[in-house]
Amino acid sequence: MLRDIMKAVDLSLENQLFRDKVVIFEALWKYVKLMTLKTNMCLLHTVNEPDAIEQEEFA
């Protein structure tokens, strides 16, 4: 009986640890996607910025 209780506790802890790891992974993945989006926006702004400067020179 004690063995069954220990197995149940172990499975419960393993499931909890797995859920925690999944939550952490999902949070990290969202952070990576957000940083990628910000980087792409900065690159797009940098690429478009020289065009604006050239247009001001010719205006």
PDB file of N, CA and C in Angstrom:
ATOM      1  N   MET A   1       0.822  -1.196   0.000  1.00  0.00           N
ATOM      2  CA  MET A   1       0.000   0.000   0.000  1.00  0.00           C
ATOM      3  C   MET A   1       0.865   1.258   0.000  1.00  0.00           C
ATOM      4  N   LEU A   2       1.906   1.251   0.801  1.00  0.00           N
ATOM      5  CA  LEU A   2       2.810   2.403   0.841  1.00  0.00           C
ATOM      6  C   LEU A   2       3.471   2.618  -0.516  1.00  0.00           C
ATOM      7  N   ARG A   3       3.801   1.492  -1.176  1.00  0.00           N
ATOM      8  CA  ARG A   3       4.406   1.593  -2.499  1.00  0.00           C
ATOM      9  C   ARG A   3       3.450   2.264  -3.486  1.00  0.00           C
ATOM     10  N   ASP A   4       2.189   1.922  -3.429  1.00  0.00           N
ATOM     11  CA  ASP A   4       1.186   2.519  -4.318  1.00  0.00           C
ATOM     12  C   ASP A   4       1.053   4.017  -4.070  1.00  0.00           C
ATOM     13  N   ILE A   5       1.081   4.395  -2.809  1.00  0.00           N
ATOM     14  CA  ILE A   5       0.996   5.822  -2.466  1.00  0.00           C
ATOM     15  C   ILE A   5       2.221   6.562  -2.995  1.00  0.00           C
ATOM     16  N   MET A   6       3.401   5.960  -2.835  1.00  0.00           N
ATOM     17  CA  MET A   6       4.630   6.599  -3.316  1.00  0.00           C
ATOM     18  C   MET A   6       4.600   6.740  -4.839  1.00  0.00           C
ATOM     19  N   LYS A   7       4.107   5.707  -5.528  1.00  0.00           N
ATOM     20  CA  LYS A   7       4.009   5.792  -6.988  1.00  0.00           C
ATOM     21  C   LYS A   7       3.053   6.909  -7.402  1.00  0.00           C
ATOM     22  N   ALA A   8       1.933   7.006  -6.718  1.00  0.00           N
ATOM     23  CA  ALA A   8       0.959   8.054  -7.034  1.00  0.00           C
ATOM     24  C   ALA A   8       1.554   9.434  -6.793  1.00  0.00           C
ATOM     25  N   VAL A   9       2.287   9.586  -5.691  1.00  0.00           N
ATOM     26  CA  VAL A   9       2.923  10.876  -5.395  1.00  0.00           C
ATOM     27  C   VAL A   9       3.976  11.193  -6.440  1.00  0.00           C
ATOM     28  N   ASP A  10       4.784  10.182  -6.813  1.00  0.00           N
ATOM     29  CA  ASP A  10       5.818  10.394  -7.822  1.00  0.00           C
ATOM     30  C   ASP A  10       5.205  10.811  -9.153  1.00  0.00           C
ATOM     31  N   LEU A  11       4.140  10.135  -9.569  1.00  0.00           N
ATOM     32  CA  LEU A  11       3.489  10.494 -10.830  1.00  0.00           C
ATOM     33  C   LEU A  11       2.911  11.899 -10.766  1.00  0.00           C
ATOM     34  N   SER A  12       2.342  12.236  -9.632  1.00  0.00           N
ATOM     35  CA  SER A  12       1.776  13.572  -9.469  1.00  0.00           C
ATOM     36  C   SER A  12       2.867  14.632  -9.570  1.00  0.00           C
ATOM     37  N   LEU A  13       3.993  14.376  -8.917  1.00  0.00           N
ATOM     38  CA  LEU A  13       5.106  15.333  -8.978  1.00  0.00           C
ATOM     39  C   LEU A  13       5.674  15.427 -10.386  1.00  0.00           C
ATOM     40  N   GLU A  14       5.803  14.284 -11.053  1.00  0.00           N
ATOM     41  CA  GLU A  14       6.315  14.304 -12.425  1.00  0.00           C
ATOM     42  C   GLU A  14       5.380  15.096 -13.333  1.00  0.00           C
ATOM     43  N   ASN A  15       4.084  14.882 -13.181  1.00  0.00           N
ATOM     44  CA  ASN A  15       3.115  15.627 -13.991  1.00  0.00           C
ATOM     45  C   ASN A  15       3.204  17.120 -13.704  1.00  0.00           C
ATOM     46  N   GLN A  16       3.360  17.490 -12.441  1.00  0.00           N
ATOM     47  CA  GLN A  16       3.461  18.904 -12.074  1.00  0.00           C
ATOM     48  C   GLN A  16       4.725  19.520 -12.663  1.00  0.00           C
ATOM     49  N   LEU A  17       5.845  18.795 -12.555  1.00  0.00           N
ATOM     50  CA  LEU A  17       7.097  19.302 -13.117  1.00  0.00           C
ATOM     51  C   LEU A  17       6.983  19.445 -14.628  1.00  0.00           C
ATOM     52  N   PHE A  18       6.353  18.478 -15.271  1.00  0.00           N
ATOM     53  CA  PHE A  18       6.174  18.549 -16.719  1.00  0.00           C
ATOM     54  C   PHE A  18       5.325  19.755 -17.091  1.00  0.00           C
ATOM     55  N   ARG A  19       4.230  19.973 -16.351  1.00  0.00           N
ATOM     56  CA  ARG A  19       3.369  21.130 -16.625  1.00  0.00           C
ATOM     57  C   ARG A  19       4.136  22.430 -16.426  1.00  0.00           C
ATOM     58  N   ASP A  20       4.939  22.496 -15.367  1.00  0.00           N
ATOM     59  CA  ASP A  20       5.732  23.704 -15.117  1.00  0.00           C
ATOM     60  C   ASP A  20       6.718  23.947 -16.250  1.00  0.00           C
ATOM     61  N   LYS A  21       7.347  22.875 -16.727  1.00  0.00           N
ATOM     62  CA  LYS A  21       8.297  23.019 -17.835  1.00  0.00           C
ATOM     63  C   LYS A  21       7.591  23.495 -19.100  1.00  0.00           C
ATOM     64  N   VAL A  22       6.402  22.979 -19.349  1.00  0.00           N
ATOM     65  CA  VAL A  22       5.641  23.389 -20.532  1.00  0.00           C
ATOM     66  C   VAL A  22       5.270  24.865 -20.431  1.00  0.00           C
ATOM     67  N   VAL A  23       4.846  25.296 -19.250  1.00  0.00           N
ATOM     68  CA  VAL A  23       4.476  26.702 -19.057  1.00  0.00           C
ATOM     69  C   VAL A  23       5.694  27.598 -19.269  1.00  0.00           C
ATOM     70  N   ILE A  24       6.838  27.191 -18.721  1.00  0.00           N
ATOM     71  CA  ILE A  24       8.065  27.979 -18.891  1.00  0.00           C
ATOM     72  C   ILE A  24       8.449  28.021 -20.363  1.00  0.00           C
ATOM     73  N   PHE A  25       8.373  26.878 -21.048  1.00  0.00           N
ATOM     74  CA  PHE A  25       8.715  26.835 -22.464  1.00  0.00           C
ATOM     75  C   PHE A  25       7.795  27.734 -23.277  1.00  0.00           C
ATOM     76  N   GLU A  26       6.497  27.698 -22.983  1.00  0.00           N
ATOM     77  CA  GLU A  26       5.552  28.552 -23.708  1.00  0.00           C
ATOM     78  C   GLU A  26       5.857  30.023 -23.472  1.00  0.00           C
ATOM     79  N   ALA A  27       6.206  30.381 -22.248  1.00  0.00           N
ATOM     80  CA  ALA A  27       6.538  31.776 -21.946  1.00  0.00           C
ATOM     81  C   ALA A  27       7.800  32.191 -22.693  1.00  0.00           C
ATOM     82  N   LEU A  28       8.806  31.323 -22.705  1.00  0.00           N
ATOM     83  CA  LEU A  28      10.035  31.637 -23.435  1.00  0.00           C
ATOM     84  C   LEU A  28       9.765  31.756 -24.933  1.00  0.00           C
ATOM     85  N   TRP A  29       8.923  30.882 -25.472  1.00  0.00           N
ATOM     86  CA  TRP A  29       8.616  30.922 -26.897  1.00  0.00           C
ATOM     87  C   TRP A  29       7.897  32.223 -27.257  1.00  0.00           C
ATOM     88  N   LYS A  30       6.960  32.656 -26.405  1.00  0.00           N
ATOM     89  CA  LYS A  30       6.279  33.931 -26.647  1.00  0.00           C
ATOM     90  C   LYS A  30       7.281  35.079 -26.608  1.00  0.00           C
ATOM     91  N   TYR A  31       8.234  35.028 -25.675  1.00  0.00           N
ATOM     92  CA  TYR A  31       9.257  36.071 -25.572  1.00  0.00           C
ATOM     93  C   TYR A  31      10.121  36.092 -26.833  1.00  0.00           C
ATOM     94  N   VAL A  32      10.503  34.913 -27.311  1.00  0.00           N
ATOM     95  CA  VAL A  32      11.322  34.839 -28.526  1.00  0.00           C
ATOM     96  C   VAL A  32      10.559  35.413 -29.710  1.00  0.00           C
ATOM     97  N   LYS A  33       9.277  35.069 -29.841  1.00  0.00           N
ATOM     98  CA  LYS A  33       8.484  35.604 -30.951  1.00  0.00           C
ATOM     99  C   LYS A  33       8.345  37.117 -30.844  1.00  0.00           C
ATOM    100  N   LEU A  34       8.165  37.627 -29.631  1.00  0.00           N
ATOM    101  CA  LEU A  34       8.047  39.066 -29.428  1.00  0.00           C
ATOM    102  C   LEU A  34       9.348  39.772 -29.792  1.00  0.00           C
ATOM    103  N   MET A  35      10.482  39.226 -29.356  1.00  0.00           N
ATOM    104  CA  MET A  35      11.773  39.832 -29.680  1.00  0.00           C
ATOM    105  C   MET A  35      12.036  39.774 -31.184  1.00  0.00           C
ATOM    106  N   THR A  36      11.631  38.689 -31.834  1.00  0.00           N
ATOM    107  CA  THR A  36      11.784  38.590 -33.286  1.00  0.00           C
ATOM    108  C   THR A  36      10.951  39.658 -33.980  1.00  0.00           C
ATOM    109  N   LEU A  37       9.730  39.848 -33.516  1.00  0.00           N
ATOM    110  CA  LEU A  37       8.867  40.876 -34.087  1.00  0.00           C
ATOM    111  C   LEU A  37       9.475  42.261 -33.895  1.00  0.00           C
ATOM    112  N   LYS A  38       9.978  42.551 -32.692  1.00  0.00           N
ATOM    113  CA  LYS A  38      10.590  43.856 -32.440  1.00  0.00           C
ATOM    114  C   LYS A  38      11.823  44.060 -33.310  1.00  0.00           C
ATOM    115  N   THR A  39      12.632  43.010 -33.461  1.00  0.00           N
ATOM    116  CA  THR A  39      13.822  43.106 -34.304  1.00  0.00           C
ATOM    117  C   THR A  39      13.430  43.384 -35.741  1.00  0.00           C
ATOM    118  N   ASN A  40      12.432  42.669 -36.238  1.00  0.00           N
ATOM    119  CA  ASN A  40      11.980  42.885 -37.614  1.00  0.00           C
ATOM    120  C   ASN A  40      11.441  44.297 -37.799  1.00  0.00           C
ATOM    121  N   MET A  41      10.723  44.807 -36.812  1.00  0.00           N
ATOM    122  CA  MET A  41      10.196  46.168 -36.911  1.00  0.00           C
ATOM    123  C   MET A  41      11.336  47.180 -36.927  1.00  0.00           C
ATOM    124  N   CYS A  42      12.358  46.957 -36.113  1.00  0.00           N
ATOM    125  CA  CYS A  42      13.512  47.863 -36.100  1.00  0.00           C
ATOM    126  C   CYS A  42      14.241  47.818 -37.432  1.00  0.00           C
ATOM    127  N   LEU A  43      14.413  46.612 -37.986  1.00  0.00           N
ATOM    128  CA  LEU A  43      15.086  46.491 -39.277  1.00  0.00           C
ATOM    129  C   LEU A  43      14.275  47.167 -40.372  1.00  0.00           C
ATOM    130  N   LEU A  44      12.972  47.000 -40.347  1.00  0.00           N
ATOM    131  CA  LEU A  44      12.115  47.636 -41.343  1.00  0.00           C
ATOM    132  C   LEU A  44      12.214  49.151 -41.223  1.00  0.00           C
ATOM    133  N   HIS A  45      12.209  49.653 -40.002  1.00  0.00           N
ATOM    134  CA  HIS A  45      12.328  51.093 -39.780  1.00  0.00           C
ATOM    135  C   HIS A  45      13.681  51.594 -40.282  1.00  0.00           C
ATOM    136  N   THR A  46      14.747  50.831 -40.038  1.00  0.00           N
ATOM    137  CA  THR A  46      16.086  51.223 -40.476  1.00  0.00           C
ATOM    138  C   THR A  46      16.174  51.222 -41.992  1.00  0.00           C
ATOM    139  N   VAL A  47      15.548  50.246 -42.631  1.00  0.00           N
ATOM    140  CA  VAL A  47      15.577  50.167 -44.092  1.00  0.00           C
ATOM    141  C   VAL A  47      14.793  51.321 -44.691  1.00  0.00           C
ATOM    142  N   ASN A  48      13.673  51.689 -44.099  1.00  0.00           N
ATOM    143  CA  ASN A  48      12.832  52.751 -44.646  1.00  0.00           C
ATOM    144  C   ASN A  48      13.342  54.141 -44.287  1.00  0.00           C
ATOM    145  N   GLU A  49      14.140  54.257 -43.264  1.00  0.00           N
ATOM    146  CA  GLU A  49      14.621  55.562 -42.812  1.00  0.00           C
ATOM    147  C   GLU A  49      15.455  56.294 -43.869  1.00  0.00           C
ATOM    148  N   PRO A  50      16.407  55.638 -44.560  1.00  0.00           N
ATOM    149  CA  PRO A  50      17.178  56.373 -45.581  1.00  0.00           C
ATOM    150  C   PRO A  50      16.296  56.952 -46.683  1.00  0.00           C
ATOM    151  N   ASP A  51      15.218  56.260 -47.034  1.00  0.00           N
ATOM    152  CA  ASP A  51      14.316  56.785 -48.056  1.00  0.00           C
ATOM    153  C   ASP A  51      13.714  58.114 -47.608  1.00  0.00           C
ATOM    154  N   ALA A  52      13.343  58.198 -46.346  1.00  0.00           N
ATOM    155  CA  ALA A  52      12.763  59.436 -45.824  1.00  0.00           C
ATOM    156  C   ALA A  52      13.795  60.557 -45.847  1.00  0.00           C
ATOM    157  N   ILE A  53      15.032  60.240 -45.521  1.00  0.00           N
ATOM    158  CA  ILE A  53      16.091  61.263 -45.537  1.00  0.00           C
ATOM    159  C   ILE A  53      16.322  61.747 -46.963  1.00  0.00           C
ATOM    160  N   GLU A  54      16.363  60.823 -47.925  1.00  0.00           N
ATOM    161  CA  GLU A  54      16.557  61.213 -49.320  1.00  0.00           C
ATOM    162  C   GLU A  54      15.394  62.070 -49.814  1.00  0.00           C
ATOM    163  N   GLN A  55      14.183  61.738 -49.428  1.00  0.00           N
ATOM    164  CA  GLN A  55      13.031  62.524 -49.853  1.00  0.00           C
ATOM    165  C   GLN A  55      13.100  63.930 -49.284  1.00  0.00           C
ATOM    166  N   GLU A  56      13.592  64.079 -48.056  1.00  0.00           N
ATOM    167  CA  GLU A  56      13.729  65.414 -47.470  1.00  0.00           C
ATOM    168  C   GLU A  56      14.786  66.223 -48.217  1.00  0.00           C
ATOM    169  N   GLU A  57      15.853  65.559 -48.676  1.00  0.00           N
ATOM    170  CA  GLU A  57      16.906  66.271 -49.401  1.00  0.00           C
ATOM    171  C   GLU A  57      16.393  66.809 -50.730  1.00  0.00           C
ATOM    172  N   PHE A  58      15.548  66.046 -51.414  1.00  0.00           N
ATOM    173  CA  PHE A  58      15.064  66.456 -52.722  1.00  0.00           C
ATOM    174  C   PHE A  58      13.845  67.357 -52.646  1.00  0.00           C
ATOM    175  N   ALA A  59      13.264  67.506 -51.474  1.00  0.00           N
ATOM    176  CA  ALA A  59      12.060  68.328 -51.349  1.00  0.00           C
ATOM    177  C   ALA A  59      12.377  69.802 -51.340  1.00  0.00           C
TER     178      ALA A  59
END
